[in-house]
Amino acid sequence: MHTPPRHPVPTVRRLRVDLDTPLPRHWCDGDALQSAFFNALSMSFPFGEQFFIDAVRAGVAALPADQAKALQAEVQGFLGQEATHRHLHTRFNRHLQAQGLHNAWEARAQARVRQLQGLDTRHALAITAANEHFTALFADWVLSHPTLFTHTEPRLKALWQWHSAEELEHKSTAFDVYRALGGNERWRRRWMRRVTVFFLSDVARQTLLNLHRDGQLWRWRTLRSGWRLLLGQHGLLRLGWRPWCAYFRADFHPDHQTTPRADAWLRDHGDWFETVGQSATGTP
């Protein structure tokens, strides 16, 4: 088994972007499909990131004091970053609601989470680790394809690229807590398979609903954009297949997948944010 490199502690940052000004309807490069897809993801973030926060907190609380202390800085950074993401995407989503878009994803997620009540806390951590792997794959793809935002307002481009960089920075936290609690490989792989079905079906359903509400669902340019986004030469599903499969290896650790694009973005775009330290409470 390979020993993963020691990853840096996640740093909590306050993003300097204007989220008071309304969003253009097709804010992502003027493309209806891309905007609907990113909007769908944003709709999942406030509830999803609160679930991740709660899962990691509960996991750390169940650890022996010495192990909890060893993970304290990493966990505090994770909580602060996720809380900040939740806050900003809640503001982003208010503009989507004002445009008449309906968030159906969140209600489905809430129903699933209710079914976890009373189960071993490692189930919620395994779910969180699987979702964090998905977001890391997506984040690396976003940062490796800046042309997605060629004609996007700088404030919105910065929001999504900053979020992506921080997701890559804390991609190991839930996995580390799960392992520290003795989480087994069977649960880890089983939850990744389930999360894959839920995540892909939910993002597809919400994207289609967004397009329907926007009157763009059955347009040729929408279908063409969807093919390019997902299955084209640089498509998300095509390029994400191998990293997704890597999660099922017995020696997998998130830190085996390096993140130079995230490191470079954070290094080169410091004018977009200020560092505020870690938050033990998960409050931005």
C-alpha atoms as a PDB file:
ATOM      1  CA  MET A   1       0.000   0.000   0.000  1.00  0.00           C
ATOM      2  CA  HIS A   2       1.337   3.427  -0.918  1.00  0.00           C
ATOM      3  CA  THR A   3       1.696   6.066   1.771  1.00  0.00           C
ATOM      4  CA  PRO A   4      -0.011   9.284   0.644  1.00  0.00           C
ATOM      5  CA  PRO A   5       1.913  12.555   0.798  1.00  0.00           C
ATOM      6  CA  ARG A   6       1.224  14.842   3.738  1.00  0.00           C
ATOM      7  CA  HIS A   7      -1.317  17.399   2.534  1.00  0.00           C
ATOM      8  CA  PRO A   8      -1.422  21.018   3.677  1.00  0.00           C
ATOM      9  CA  VAL A   9      -4.058  22.201   6.122  1.00  0.00           C
ATOM     10  CA  PRO A  10      -7.048  23.732   4.272  1.00  0.00           C
ATOM     11  CA  THR A  11      -7.108  27.519   4.577  1.00  0.00           C
ATOM     12  CA  VAL A  12     -10.354  29.427   5.052  1.00  0.00           C
ATOM     13  CA  ARG A  13     -10.716  32.384   2.701  1.00  0.00           C
ATOM     14  CA  ARG A  14     -13.272  35.126   2.239  1.00  0.00           C
ATOM     15  CA  LEU A  15     -14.026  35.609  -1.448  1.00  0.00           C
ATOM     16  CA  ARG A  16     -14.370  39.200  -2.658  1.00  0.00           C
ATOM     17  CA  VAL A  17     -17.156  38.838  -5.226  1.00  0.00           C
ATOM     18  CA  ASP A  18     -20.364  40.723  -5.838  1.00  0.00           C
ATOM     19  CA  LEU A  19     -23.276  38.351  -5.341  1.00  0.00           C
ATOM     20  CA  ASP A  20     -25.833  41.126  -4.883  1.00  0.00           C
ATOM     21  CA  THR A  21     -26.046  42.015  -8.565  1.00  0.00           C
ATOM     22  CA  PRO A  22     -28.502  39.662 -10.346  1.00  0.00           C
ATOM     23  CA  LEU A  23     -27.116  36.932 -12.579  1.00  0.00           C
ATOM     24  CA  PRO A  24     -27.636  36.924 -16.344  1.00  0.00           C
ATOM     25  CA  ARG A  25     -29.939  34.009 -17.213  1.00  0.00           C
ATOM     26  CA  HIS A  26     -27.231  32.343 -19.307  1.00  0.00           C
ATOM     27  CA  TRP A  27     -24.379  33.565 -17.162  1.00  0.00           C
ATOM     28  CA  CYS A  28     -21.922  30.766 -18.073  1.00  0.00           C
ATOM     29  CA  ASP A  29     -20.378  31.899 -21.349  1.00  0.00           C
ATOM     30  CA  GLY A  30     -23.834  32.719 -22.741  1.00  0.00           C
ATOM     31  CA  ASP A  31     -24.550  28.976 -22.971  1.00  0.00           C
ATOM     32  CA  ALA A  32     -27.974  27.763 -21.767  1.00  0.00           C
ATOM     33  CA  LEU A  33     -26.857  24.170 -21.119  1.00  0.00           C
ATOM     34  CA  GLN A  34     -23.677  25.079 -19.256  1.00  0.00           C
ATOM     35  CA  SER A  35     -25.569  27.591 -17.136  1.00  0.00           C
ATOM     36  CA  ALA A  36     -28.299  25.051 -16.336  1.00  0.00           C
ATOM     37  CA  PHE A  37     -25.681  22.442 -15.402  1.00  0.00           C
ATOM     38  CA  PHE A  38     -23.693  24.707 -13.080  1.00  0.00           C
ATOM     39  CA  ASN A  39     -26.936  26.031 -11.614  1.00  0.00           C
ATOM     40  CA  ALA A  40     -28.001  22.462 -10.822  1.00  0.00           C
ATOM     41  CA  LEU A  41     -24.750  21.847  -8.988  1.00  0.00           C
ATOM     42  CA  SER A  42     -25.115  25.073  -7.034  1.00  0.00           C
ATOM     43  CA  MET A  43     -28.609  24.034  -5.965  1.00  0.00           C
ATOM     44  CA  SER A  44     -27.132  20.933  -4.304  1.00  0.00           C
ATOM     45  CA  PHE A  45     -24.427  22.762  -2.381  1.00  0.00           C
ATOM     46  CA  PRO A  46     -26.104  24.429   0.637  1.00  0.00           C
ATOM     47  CA  PHE A  47     -27.803  21.280   1.921  1.00  0.00           C
ATOM     48  CA  GLY A  48     -25.048  18.953   0.744  1.00  0.00           C
ATOM     49  CA  GLU A  49     -22.230  20.924   2.321  1.00  0.00           C
ATOM     50  CA  GLN A  50     -24.106  21.155   5.615  1.00  0.00           C
ATOM     51  CA  PHE A  51     -24.450  17.364   5.533  1.00  0.00           C
ATOM     52  CA  PHE A  52     -20.690  17.054   4.966  1.00  0.00           C
ATOM     53  CA  ILE A  53     -19.986  19.434   7.853  1.00  0.00           C
ATOM     54  CA  ASP A  54     -22.264  17.467  10.172  1.00  0.00           C
ATOM     55  CA  ALA A  55     -20.762  14.121   9.102  1.00  0.00           C
ATOM     56  CA  VAL A  56     -17.175  15.205   9.708  1.00  0.00           C
ATOM     57  CA  ARG A  57     -18.038  16.828  13.044  1.00  0.00           C
ATOM     58  CA  ALA A  58     -19.780  13.667  14.227  1.00  0.00           C
ATOM     59  CA  GLY A  59     -16.893  11.535  13.031  1.00  0.00           C
ATOM     60  CA  VAL A  60     -14.284  13.578  14.881  1.00  0.00           C
ATOM     61  CA  ALA A  61     -16.432  13.578  18.028  1.00  0.00           C
ATOM     62  CA  ALA A  62     -16.360   9.754  17.953  1.00  0.00           C
ATOM     63  CA  LEU A  63     -12.546   9.574  17.791  1.00  0.00           C
ATOM     64  CA  PRO A  64     -10.225   9.102  20.761  1.00  0.00           C
ATOM     65  CA  ALA A  65      -8.875  12.438  21.977  1.00  0.00           C
ATOM     66  CA  ASP A  66      -5.348  11.932  20.577  1.00  0.00           C
ATOM     67  CA  GLN A  67      -6.603  11.083  17.083  1.00  0.00           C
ATOM     68  CA  ALA A  68      -9.073  13.954  17.114  1.00  0.00           C
ATOM     69  CA  LYS A  69      -6.282  16.337  18.094  1.00  0.00           C
ATOM     70  CA  ALA A  70      -4.058  15.089  15.266  1.00  0.00           C
ATOM     71  CA  LEU A  71      -6.816  15.900  12.751  1.00  0.00           C
ATOM     72  CA  GLN A  72      -7.993  19.111  14.408  1.00  0.00           C
ATOM     73  CA  ALA A  73      -6.357  21.659  12.093  1.00  0.00           C
ATOM     74  CA  GLU A  74      -7.351  19.768   8.946  1.00  0.00           C
ATOM     75  CA  VAL A  75     -10.939  19.390  10.138  1.00  0.00           C
ATOM     76  CA  GLN A  76     -11.254  23.032  11.193  1.00  0.00           C
ATOM     77  CA  GLY A  77     -10.080  24.142   7.760  1.00  0.00           C
ATOM     78  CA  PHE A  78     -12.551  21.791   6.111  1.00  0.00           C
ATOM     79  CA  LEU A  79     -15.452  23.079   8.229  1.00  0.00           C
ATOM     80  CA  GLY A  80     -14.611  26.696   7.529  1.00  0.00           C
ATOM     81  CA  GLN A  81     -14.242  26.198   3.784  1.00  0.00           C
ATOM     82  CA  GLU A  82     -17.458  24.218   3.431  1.00  0.00           C
ATOM     83  CA  ALA A  83     -19.401  26.716   5.523  1.00  0.00           C
ATOM     84  CA  THR A  84     -18.163  29.541   3.309  1.00  0.00           C
ATOM     85  CA  HIS A  85     -19.151  27.637   0.155  1.00  0.00           C
ATOM     86  CA  ARG A  86     -22.584  26.953   1.620  1.00  0.00           C
ATOM     87  CA  HIS A  87     -23.083  30.631   2.431  1.00  0.00           C
ATOM     88  CA  LEU A  88     -22.037  31.957  -0.979  1.00  0.00           C
ATOM     89  CA  HIS A  89     -24.027  29.417  -2.965  1.00  0.00           C
ATOM     90  CA  THR A  90     -27.097  30.155  -0.873  1.00  0.00           C
ATOM     91  CA  ARG A  91     -26.761  33.746  -2.100  1.00  0.00           C
ATOM     92  CA  PHE A  92     -26.116  32.557  -5.661  1.00  0.00           C
ATOM     93  CA  ASN A  93     -29.197  30.336  -5.535  1.00  0.00           C
ATOM     94  CA  ARG A  94     -31.466  33.216  -4.512  1.00  0.00           C
ATOM     95  CA  HIS A  95     -30.887  34.707  -7.960  1.00  0.00           C
ATOM     96  CA  LEU A  96     -31.815  31.389  -9.569  1.00  0.00           C
ATOM     97  CA  GLN A  97     -35.042  31.314  -7.579  1.00  0.00           C
ATOM     98  CA  ALA A  98     -35.789  34.869  -8.707  1.00  0.00           C
ATOM     99  CA  GLN A  99     -35.397  33.664 -12.304  1.00  0.00           C
ATOM    100  CA  GLY A 100     -38.132  31.087 -11.709  1.00  0.00           C
ATOM    101  CA  LEU A 101     -35.898  28.029 -11.334  1.00  0.00           C
ATOM    102  CA  HIS A 102     -37.098  25.382  -8.875  1.00  0.00           C
ATOM    103  CA  ASN A 103     -34.704  23.342  -6.731  1.00  0.00           C
ATOM    104  CA  ALA A 104     -36.087  19.779  -6.754  1.00  0.00           C
ATOM    105  CA  TRP A 105     -32.724  18.179  -5.918  1.00  0.00           C
ATOM    106  CA  GLU A 106     -32.630  19.349  -2.318  1.00  0.00           C
ATOM    107  CA  ALA A 107     -35.910  17.662  -1.334  1.00  0.00           C
ATOM    108  CA  ARG A 108     -34.676  14.310  -2.673  1.00  0.00           C
ATOM    109  CA  ALA A 109     -31.402  14.687  -0.761  1.00  0.00           C
ATOM    110  CA  GLN A 110     -33.246  15.540   2.439  1.00  0.00           C
ATOM    111  CA  ALA A 111     -35.391  12.409   2.129  1.00  0.00           C
ATOM    112  CA  ARG A 112     -32.303  10.216   1.713  1.00  0.00           C
ATOM    113  CA  VAL A 113     -30.544  11.766   4.687  1.00  0.00           C
ATOM    114  CA  ARG A 114     -33.542  11.056   6.926  1.00  0.00           C
ATOM    115  CA  GLN A 115     -33.058   7.361   6.150  1.00  0.00           C
ATOM    116  CA  LEU A 116     -29.568   7.524   7.691  1.00  0.00           C
ATOM    117  CA  GLN A 117     -30.801   8.505  11.142  1.00  0.00           C
ATOM    118  CA  GLY A 118     -29.645   6.052  13.780  1.00  0.00           C
ATOM    119  CA  LEU A 119     -26.975   4.446  11.587  1.00  0.00           C
ATOM    120  CA  ASP A 120     -23.269   4.222  12.371  1.00  0.00           C
ATOM    121  CA  THR A 121     -21.696   7.643  11.742  1.00  0.00           C
ATOM    122  CA  ARG A 122     -19.211   6.018   9.369  1.00  0.00           C
ATOM    123  CA  HIS A 123     -21.977   5.656   6.784  1.00  0.00           C
ATOM    124  CA  ALA A 124     -22.379   9.434   6.591  1.00  0.00           C
ATOM    125  CA  LEU A 125     -18.592   9.794   6.405  1.00  0.00           C
ATOM    126  CA  ALA A 126     -18.354   7.249   3.574  1.00  0.00           C
ATOM    127  CA  ILE A 127     -21.060   9.159   1.708  1.00  0.00           C
ATOM    128  CA  THR A 128     -19.193  12.403   2.312  1.00  0.00           C
ATOM    129  CA  ALA A 129     -15.875  10.950   1.150  1.00  0.00           C
ATOM    130  CA  ALA A 130     -17.514   9.661  -2.038  1.00  0.00           C
ATOM    131  CA  ASN A 131     -19.112  13.024  -2.755  1.00  0.00           C
ATOM    132  CA  GLU A 132     -15.849  14.805  -2.044  1.00  0.00           C
ATOM    133  CA  HIS A 133     -14.160  12.591  -4.630  1.00  0.00           C
ATOM    134  CA  PHE A 134     -16.835  13.558  -7.154  1.00  0.00           C
ATOM    135  CA  THR A 135     -16.408  17.252  -6.416  1.00  0.00           C
ATOM    136  CA  ALA A 136     -12.627  16.907  -6.646  1.00  0.00           C
ATOM    137  CA  LEU A 137     -12.939  15.319 -10.096  1.00  0.00           C
ATOM    138  CA  PHE A 138     -15.281  18.074 -11.190  1.00  0.00           C
ATOM    139  CA  ALA A 139     -13.102  20.795  -9.654  1.00  0.00           C
ATOM    140  CA  ASP A 140      -9.966  19.597 -11.415  1.00  0.00           C
ATOM    141  CA  TRP A 141     -11.884  19.491 -14.697  1.00  0.00           C
ATOM    142  CA  VAL A 142     -13.137  23.063 -14.180  1.00  0.00           C
ATOM    143  CA  LEU A 143      -9.651  24.376 -13.465  1.00  0.00           C
ATOM    144  CA  SER A 144      -8.173  22.525 -16.434  1.00  0.00           C
ATOM    145  CA  HIS A 145     -10.756  24.047 -18.802  1.00  0.00           C
ATOM    146  CA  PRO A 146     -10.805  27.801 -18.152  1.00  0.00           C
ATOM    147  CA  THR A 147     -12.347  28.317 -21.605  1.00  0.00           C
ATOM    148  CA  LEU A 148     -15.653  27.290 -19.998  1.00  0.00           C
ATOM    149  CA  PHE A 149     -15.753  30.870 -18.731  1.00  0.00           C
ATOM    150  CA  THR A 150     -14.238  32.794 -21.648  1.00  0.00           C
ATOM    151  CA  HIS A 151     -17.205  35.170 -21.902  1.00  0.00           C
ATOM    152  CA  THR A 152     -18.365  34.880 -18.279  1.00  0.00           C
ATOM    153  CA  GLU A 153     -18.384  37.808 -15.872  1.00  0.00           C
ATOM    154  CA  PRO A 154     -15.104  37.808 -13.892  1.00  0.00           C
ATOM    155  CA  ARG A 155     -16.957  37.684 -10.537  1.00  0.00           C
ATOM    156  CA  LEU A 156     -18.758  34.460 -11.497  1.00  0.00           C
ATOM    157  CA  LYS A 157     -15.691  32.903 -13.072  1.00  0.00           C
ATOM    158  CA  ALA A 158     -13.805  33.622  -9.839  1.00  0.00           C
ATOM    159  CA  LEU A 159     -16.588  32.106  -7.719  1.00  0.00           C
ATOM    160  CA  TRP A 160     -16.496  28.760  -9.487  1.00  0.00           C
ATOM    161  CA  GLN A 161     -12.732  28.556  -9.873  1.00  0.00           C
ATOM    162  CA  TRP A 162     -12.108  29.529  -6.230  1.00  0.00           C
ATOM    163  CA  HIS A 163     -14.676  26.960  -5.082  1.00  0.00           C
ATOM    164  CA  SER A 164     -12.984  24.331  -7.249  1.00  0.00           C
ATOM    165  CA  ALA A 165      -9.532  25.137  -5.868  1.00  0.00           C
ATOM    166  CA  GLU A 166     -10.730  24.831  -2.276  1.00  0.00           C
ATOM    167  CA  GLU A 167     -12.542  21.555  -2.976  1.00  0.00           C
ATOM    168  CA  LEU A 168      -9.235  20.130  -4.151  1.00  0.00           C
ATOM    169  CA  GLU A 169      -7.485  21.533  -1.093  1.00  0.00           C
ATOM    170  CA  HIS A 170      -9.745  19.694   1.374  1.00  0.00           C
ATOM    171  CA  LYS A 171     -10.546  16.603  -0.707  1.00  0.00           C
ATOM    172  CA  SER A 172      -8.881  14.264   1.819  1.00  0.00           C
ATOM    173  CA  THR A 173     -10.526  15.355   5.071  1.00  0.00           C
ATOM    174  CA  ALA A 174     -13.659  13.181   5.154  1.00  0.00           C
ATOM    175  CA  PHE A 175     -11.611  10.224   3.848  1.00  0.00           C
ATOM    176  CA  ASP A 176      -9.032  10.702   6.624  1.00  0.00           C
ATOM    177  CA  VAL A 177     -11.685  10.844   9.356  1.00  0.00           C
ATOM    178  CA  TYR A 178     -13.411   7.772   7.918  1.00  0.00           C
ATOM    179  CA  ARG A 179     -10.148   5.839   7.959  1.00  0.00           C
ATOM    180  CA  ALA A 180      -9.308   7.060  11.473  1.00  0.00           C
ATOM    181  CA  LEU A 181     -12.648   5.659  12.667  1.00  0.00           C
ATOM    182  CA  GLY A 182     -11.801   2.278  11.186  1.00  0.00           C
ATOM    183  CA  GLY A 183     -14.112   2.585   8.189  1.00  0.00           C
ATOM    184  CA  ASN A 184     -13.835  -0.512   6.028  1.00  0.00           C
ATOM    185  CA  GLU A 185     -13.285  -0.888   2.291  1.00  0.00           C
ATOM    186  CA  ARG A 186     -16.593  -2.630   1.676  1.00  0.00           C
ATOM    187  CA  TRP A 187     -18.645   0.296   2.950  1.00  0.00           C
ATOM    188  CA  ARG A 188     -16.412   2.806   1.175  1.00  0.00           C
ATOM    189  CA  ARG A 189     -16.820   1.163  -2.233  1.00  0.00           C
ATOM    190  CA  ARG A 190     -20.511   0.387  -1.759  1.00  0.00           C
ATOM    191  CA  TRP A 191     -21.320   4.002  -0.918  1.00  0.00           C
ATOM    192  CA  MET A 192     -19.343   5.260  -3.887  1.00  0.00           C
ATOM    193  CA  ARG A 193     -21.444   3.090  -6.201  1.00  0.00           C
ATOM    194  CA  ARG A 194     -24.654   4.374  -4.611  1.00  0.00           C
ATOM    195  CA  VAL A 195     -23.514   7.995  -4.573  1.00  0.00           C
ATOM    196  CA  THR A 196     -22.580   7.687  -8.247  1.00  0.00           C
ATOM    197  CA  VAL A 197     -26.120   6.661  -9.164  1.00  0.00           C
ATOM    198  CA  PHE A 198     -27.712   9.326  -6.987  1.00  0.00           C
ATOM    199  CA  PHE A 199     -25.348  12.105  -8.036  1.00  0.00           C
ATOM    200  CA  LEU A 200     -25.482  11.512 -11.782  1.00  0.00           C
ATOM    201  CA  SER A 201     -29.243  11.042 -11.841  1.00  0.00           C
ATOM    202  CA  ASP A 202     -29.855  14.080  -9.634  1.00  0.00           C
ATOM    203  CA  VAL A 203     -27.641  16.437 -11.587  1.00  0.00           C
ATOM    204  CA  ALA A 204     -29.195  15.248 -14.844  1.00  0.00           C
ATOM    205  CA  ARG A 205     -32.756  15.685 -13.560  1.00  0.00           C
ATOM    206  CA  GLN A 206     -32.088  19.133 -12.131  1.00  0.00           C
ATOM    207  CA  THR A 207     -30.273  20.300 -15.278  1.00  0.00           C
ATOM    208  CA  LEU A 208     -33.175  19.149 -17.458  1.00  0.00           C
ATOM    209  CA  LEU A 209     -35.657  20.848 -15.141  1.00  0.00           C
ATOM    210  CA  ASN A 210     -33.663  24.069 -15.307  1.00  0.00           C
ATOM    211  CA  LEU A 211     -33.611  23.908 -19.115  1.00  0.00           C
ATOM    212  CA  HIS A 212     -37.336  23.198 -19.237  1.00  0.00           C
ATOM    213  CA  ARG A 213     -38.103  26.215 -17.051  1.00  0.00           C
ATOM    214  CA  ASP A 214     -35.833  28.286 -19.260  1.00  0.00           C
ATOM    215  CA  GLY A 215     -37.531  27.118 -22.473  1.00  0.00           C
ATOM    216  CA  GLN A 216     -34.236  25.739 -23.809  1.00  0.00           C
ATOM    217  CA  LEU A 217     -34.652  21.982 -23.367  1.00  0.00           C
ATOM    218  CA  TRP A 218     -35.329  20.803 -26.911  1.00  0.00           C
ATOM    219  CA  ARG A 219     -33.162  23.229 -28.850  1.00  0.00           C
ATOM    220  CA  TRP A 220     -30.457  21.808 -31.107  1.00  0.00           C
ATOM    221  CA  ARG A 221     -27.775  24.066 -29.658  1.00  0.00           C
ATOM    222  CA  THR A 222     -28.648  22.779 -26.172  1.00  0.00           C
ATOM    223  CA  LEU A 223     -28.186  19.150 -27.225  1.00  0.00           C
ATOM    224  CA  ARG A 224     -24.947  19.969 -29.007  1.00  0.00           C
ATOM    225  CA  SER A 225     -23.600  21.816 -25.971  1.00  0.00           C
ATOM    226  CA  GLY A 226     -24.555  18.918 -23.681  1.00  0.00           C
ATOM    227  CA  TRP A 227     -22.695  16.426 -25.844  1.00  0.00           C
ATOM    228  CA  ARG A 228     -19.603  18.631 -25.897  1.00  0.00           C
ATOM    229  CA  LEU A 229     -19.730  19.274 -22.147  1.00  0.00           C
ATOM    230  CA  LEU A 230     -20.069  15.631 -21.129  1.00  0.00           C
ATOM    231  CA  LEU A 231     -18.789  13.395 -23.929  1.00  0.00           C
ATOM    232  CA  GLY A 232     -16.729  15.579 -26.239  1.00  0.00           C
ATOM    233  CA  GLN A 233     -12.963  15.403 -26.547  1.00  0.00           C
ATOM    234  CA  HIS A 234     -12.602  17.307 -23.281  1.00  0.00           C
ATOM    235  CA  GLY A 235     -15.915  16.166 -21.812  1.00  0.00           C
ATOM    236  CA  LEU A 236     -16.410  15.736 -18.100  1.00  0.00           C
ATOM    237  CA  LEU A 237     -17.579  12.118 -18.238  1.00  0.00           C
ATOM    238  CA  ARG A 238     -14.870  11.091 -20.688  1.00  0.00           C
ATOM    239  CA  LEU A 239     -12.022  12.616 -18.688  1.00  0.00           C
ATOM    240  CA  GLY A 240     -13.469  11.735 -15.286  1.00  0.00           C
ATOM    241  CA  TRP A 241     -13.790   7.991 -15.894  1.00  0.00           C
ATOM    242  CA  ARG A 242     -10.290   6.924 -14.865  1.00  0.00           C
ATOM    243  CA  PRO A 243     -10.079   9.116 -11.745  1.00  0.00           C
ATOM    244  CA  TRP A 244     -13.505   7.805 -10.703  1.00  0.00           C
ATOM    245  CA  CYS A 245     -12.329   4.203 -11.106  1.00  0.00           C
ATOM    246  CA  ALA A 246      -9.258   4.940  -8.989  1.00  0.00           C
ATOM    247  CA  TYR A 247     -11.482   5.329  -5.924  1.00  0.00           C
ATOM    248  CA  PHE A 248     -12.117   1.566  -5.906  1.00  0.00           C
ATOM    249  CA  ARG A 249      -8.451   0.613  -5.578  1.00  0.00           C
ATOM    250  CA  ALA A 250      -7.450  -0.847  -2.228  1.00  0.00           C
ATOM    251  CA  ASP A 251      -4.500   1.571  -1.976  1.00  0.00           C
ATOM    252  CA  PHE A 252      -6.501   4.655  -2.928  1.00  0.00           C
ATOM    253  CA  HIS A 253      -6.035   7.909  -1.068  1.00  0.00           C
ATOM    254  CA  PRO A 254      -7.230  11.294  -2.413  1.00  0.00           C
ATOM    255  CA  ASP A 255      -3.742  12.744  -2.036  1.00  0.00           C
ATOM    256  CA  HIS A 256      -2.398  10.342  -4.641  1.00  0.00           C
ATOM    257  CA  GLN A 257      -4.090  12.630  -7.171  1.00  0.00           C
ATOM    258  CA  THR A 258      -2.074  15.820  -7.149  1.00  0.00           C
ATOM    259  CA  THR A 259      -3.643  19.263  -7.504  1.00  0.00           C
ATOM    260  CA  PRO A 260      -1.188  21.633  -9.212  1.00  0.00           C
ATOM    261  CA  ARG A 261      -3.992  23.570 -10.929  1.00  0.00           C
ATOM    262  CA  ALA A 262      -5.623  24.388  -7.613  1.00  0.00           C
ATOM    263  CA  ASP A 263      -2.327  25.427  -6.072  1.00  0.00           C
ATOM    264  CA  ALA A 264      -1.571  27.632  -9.071  1.00  0.00           C
ATOM    265  CA  TRP A 265      -4.992  29.289  -9.066  1.00  0.00           C
ATOM    266  CA  LEU A 266      -4.798  30.136  -5.365  1.00  0.00           C
ATOM    267  CA  ARG A 267      -1.252  31.436  -5.781  1.00  0.00           C
ATOM    268  CA  ASP A 268      -2.051  33.602  -8.822  1.00  0.00           C
ATOM    269  CA  HIS A 269      -5.481  34.995  -7.836  1.00  0.00           C
ATOM    270  CA  GLY A 270      -4.960  36.266  -4.317  1.00  0.00           C
ATOM    271  CA  ASP A 271      -6.610  39.556  -5.265  1.00  0.00           C
ATOM    272  CA  TRP A 272      -9.975  37.750  -5.240  1.00  0.00           C
ATOM    273  CA  PHE A 273      -9.883  36.651  -1.593  1.00  0.00           C
ATOM    274  CA  GLU A 274      -8.493  37.264   1.865  1.00  0.00           C
ATOM    275  CA  THR A 275      -7.397  34.603   4.326  1.00  0.00           C
ATOM    276  CA  VAL A 276      -9.462  34.448   7.506  1.00  0.00           C
ATOM    277  CA  GLY A 277      -7.970  31.365   9.183  1.00  0.00           C
ATOM    278  CA  GLN A 278      -9.741  28.201  10.274  1.00  0.00           C
ATOM    279  CA  SER A 279     -13.156  27.921  11.881  1.00  0.00           C
ATOM    280  CA  ALA A 280     -13.933  25.255  14.436  1.00  0.00           C
ATOM    281  CA  THR A 281     -17.613  26.103  14.338  1.00  0.00           C
ATOM    282  CA  GLY A 282     -18.075  25.956  10.598  1.00  0.00           C
ATOM    283  CA  THR A 283     -19.147  29.603  10.458  1.00  0.00           C
ATOM    284  CA  PRO A 284     -17.661  31.764   7.694  1.00  0.00           C
END
